């Protein structure tokens, strides 16, 4: 019985398999809960704010390490 099912799956043509895949994708996309416009704006704002904060932290670390390295080279 399992061999018959496996044989039936193997014998499907590529266009049939593509069509089934597309149908499955459309069914799954129908299950997705999309955010509202306000939720999207809020999430985008949070991401951009955190991006600016992380960039500032990296800049400060880079500046401090640059001063330290230049200070070491002046000593040598």
C-alpha atoms as a PDB file:
ATOM      1  CA  UNK A   1       0.000   0.000   0.000  1.00  0.00           C
ATOM      2  CA  UNK A   2       2.747   2.466   0.937  1.00  0.00           C
ATOM      3  CA  UNK A   3       4.648   1.546  -2.234  1.00  0.00           C
ATOM      4  CA  UNK A   4       1.601   2.428  -4.367  1.00  0.00           C
ATOM      5  CA  UNK A   5       1.342   5.856  -2.726  1.00  0.00           C
ATOM      6  CA  UNK A   6       5.064   6.439  -3.189  1.00  0.00           C
ATOM      7  CA  UNK A   7       4.839   5.378  -6.861  1.00  0.00           C
ATOM      8  CA  UNK A   8       1.913   7.779  -7.408  1.00  0.00           C
ATOM      9  CA  UNK A   9       3.969  10.644  -5.935  1.00  0.00           C
ATOM     10  CA  UNK A  10       6.949   9.845  -8.174  1.00  0.00           C
ATOM     11  CA  UNK A  11       4.837   9.705 -11.351  1.00  0.00           C
ATOM     12  CA  UNK A  12       3.501  13.277 -10.968  1.00  0.00           C
ATOM     13  CA  UNK A  13       4.781  15.582 -13.654  1.00  0.00           C
ATOM     14  CA  UNK A  14       6.639  18.770 -12.869  1.00  0.00           C
ATOM     15  CA  UNK A  15       3.766  21.097 -13.900  1.00  0.00           C
ATOM     16  CA  UNK A  16       1.380  19.167 -11.622  1.00  0.00           C
ATOM     17  CA  UNK A  17       3.823  19.401  -8.724  1.00  0.00           C
ATOM     18  CA  UNK A  18       4.302  23.144  -9.319  1.00  0.00           C
ATOM     19  CA  UNK A  19       0.528  23.669  -9.361  1.00  0.00           C
ATOM     20  CA  UNK A  20       0.109  21.735  -6.094  1.00  0.00           C
ATOM     21  CA  UNK A  21       2.943  23.715  -4.502  1.00  0.00           C
ATOM     22  CA  UNK A  22       1.325  27.014  -5.543  1.00  0.00           C
ATOM     23  CA  UNK A  23      -2.041  25.897  -4.148  1.00  0.00           C
ATOM     24  CA  UNK A  24      -0.422  24.875  -0.858  1.00  0.00           C
ATOM     25  CA  UNK A  25       1.351  28.233  -0.613  1.00  0.00           C
ATOM     26  CA  UNK A  26      -1.910  30.107  -1.192  1.00  0.00           C
ATOM     27  CA  UNK A  27      -3.646  28.064   1.544  1.00  0.00           C
ATOM     28  CA  UNK A  28      -0.844  28.792   4.017  1.00  0.00           C
ATOM     29  CA  UNK A  29      -0.752  32.500   3.127  1.00  0.00           C
ATOM     30  CA  UNK A  30      -4.476  32.642   3.916  1.00  0.00           C
ATOM     31  CA  UNK A  31      -3.641  31.555   7.473  1.00  0.00           C
ATOM     32  CA  UNK A  32      -1.168  34.411   8.028  1.00  0.00           C
ATOM     33  CA  UNK A  33      -2.206  37.157  10.438  1.00  0.00           C
ATOM     34  CA  UNK A  34      -1.011  40.410   8.922  1.00  0.00           C
ATOM     35  CA  UNK A  35      -0.217  43.377  11.191  1.00  0.00           C
ATOM     36  CA  UNK A  36      -2.312  46.522  11.005  1.00  0.00           C
ATOM     37  CA  UNK A  37      -0.828  49.728   9.603  1.00  0.00           C
ATOM     38  CA  UNK A  38      -0.330  51.135  13.121  1.00  0.00           C
ATOM     39  CA  UNK A  39       1.427  47.975  14.341  1.00  0.00           C
ATOM     40  CA  UNK A  40       3.681  48.108  11.291  1.00  0.00           C
ATOM     41  CA  UNK A  41       4.555  51.771  11.918  1.00  0.00           C
ATOM     42  CA  UNK A  42       5.302  51.080  15.578  1.00  0.00           C
ATOM     43  CA  UNK A  43       7.487  48.063  14.799  1.00  0.00           C
ATOM     44  CA  UNK A  44       9.368  49.985  12.115  1.00  0.00           C
ATOM     45  CA  UNK A  45       9.983  52.881  14.507  1.00  0.00           C
ATOM     46  CA  UNK A  46      11.335  50.530  17.164  1.00  0.00           C
ATOM     47  CA  UNK A  47      13.685  48.851  14.682  1.00  0.00           C
ATOM     48  CA  UNK A  48      14.995  52.187  13.379  1.00  0.00           C
ATOM     49  CA  UNK A  49      15.496  53.544  16.900  1.00  0.00           C
ATOM     50  CA  UNK A  50      17.426  50.448  17.963  1.00  0.00           C
ATOM     51  CA  UNK A  51      19.484  50.660  14.777  1.00  0.00           C
ATOM     52  CA  UNK A  52      20.508  54.229  15.622  1.00  0.00           C
ATOM     53  CA  UNK A  53      21.333  53.279  19.225  1.00  0.00           C
ATOM     54  CA  UNK A  54      23.484  50.295  18.183  1.00  0.00           C
ATOM     55  CA  UNK A  55      25.248  52.411  15.542  1.00  0.00           C
ATOM     56  CA  UNK A  56      26.024  55.054  18.172  1.00  0.00           C
ATOM     57  CA  UNK A  57      27.410  52.439  20.576  1.00  0.00           C
ATOM     58  CA  UNK A  58      29.613  50.965  17.852  1.00  0.00           C
ATOM     59  CA  UNK A  59      30.829  54.452  16.934  1.00  0.00           C
ATOM     60  CA  UNK A  60      31.798  55.195  20.554  1.00  0.00           C
ATOM     61  CA  UNK A  61      33.641  51.871  20.925  1.00  0.00           C
ATOM     62  CA  UNK A  62      35.435  52.441  17.622  1.00  0.00           C
ATOM     63  CA  UNK A  63      36.478  55.943  18.662  1.00  0.00           C
ATOM     64  CA  UNK A  64      37.761  54.769  22.059  1.00  0.00           C
ATOM     65  CA  UNK A  65      39.725  51.857  20.557  1.00  0.00           C
ATOM     66  CA  UNK A  66      41.150  54.165  17.903  1.00  0.00           C
ATOM     67  CA  UNK A  67      42.485  56.500  20.593  1.00  0.00           C
ATOM     68  CA  UNK A  68      43.910  53.532  22.509  1.00  0.00           C
ATOM     69  CA  UNK A  69      45.679  52.115  19.444  1.00  0.00           C
ATOM     70  CA  UNK A  70      47.116  55.476  18.420  1.00  0.00           C
ATOM     71  CA  UNK A  71      48.290  55.943  22.019  1.00  0.00           C
ATOM     72  CA  UNK A  72      50.068  52.571  21.933  1.00  0.00           C
ATOM     73  CA  UNK A  73      51.831  53.380  18.669  1.00  0.00           C
ATOM     74  CA  UNK A  74      53.064  56.703  20.046  1.00  0.00           C
ATOM     75  CA  UNK A  75      54.636  54.880  22.998  1.00  0.00           C
ATOM     76  CA  UNK A  76      56.570  52.481  20.797  1.00  0.00           C
END
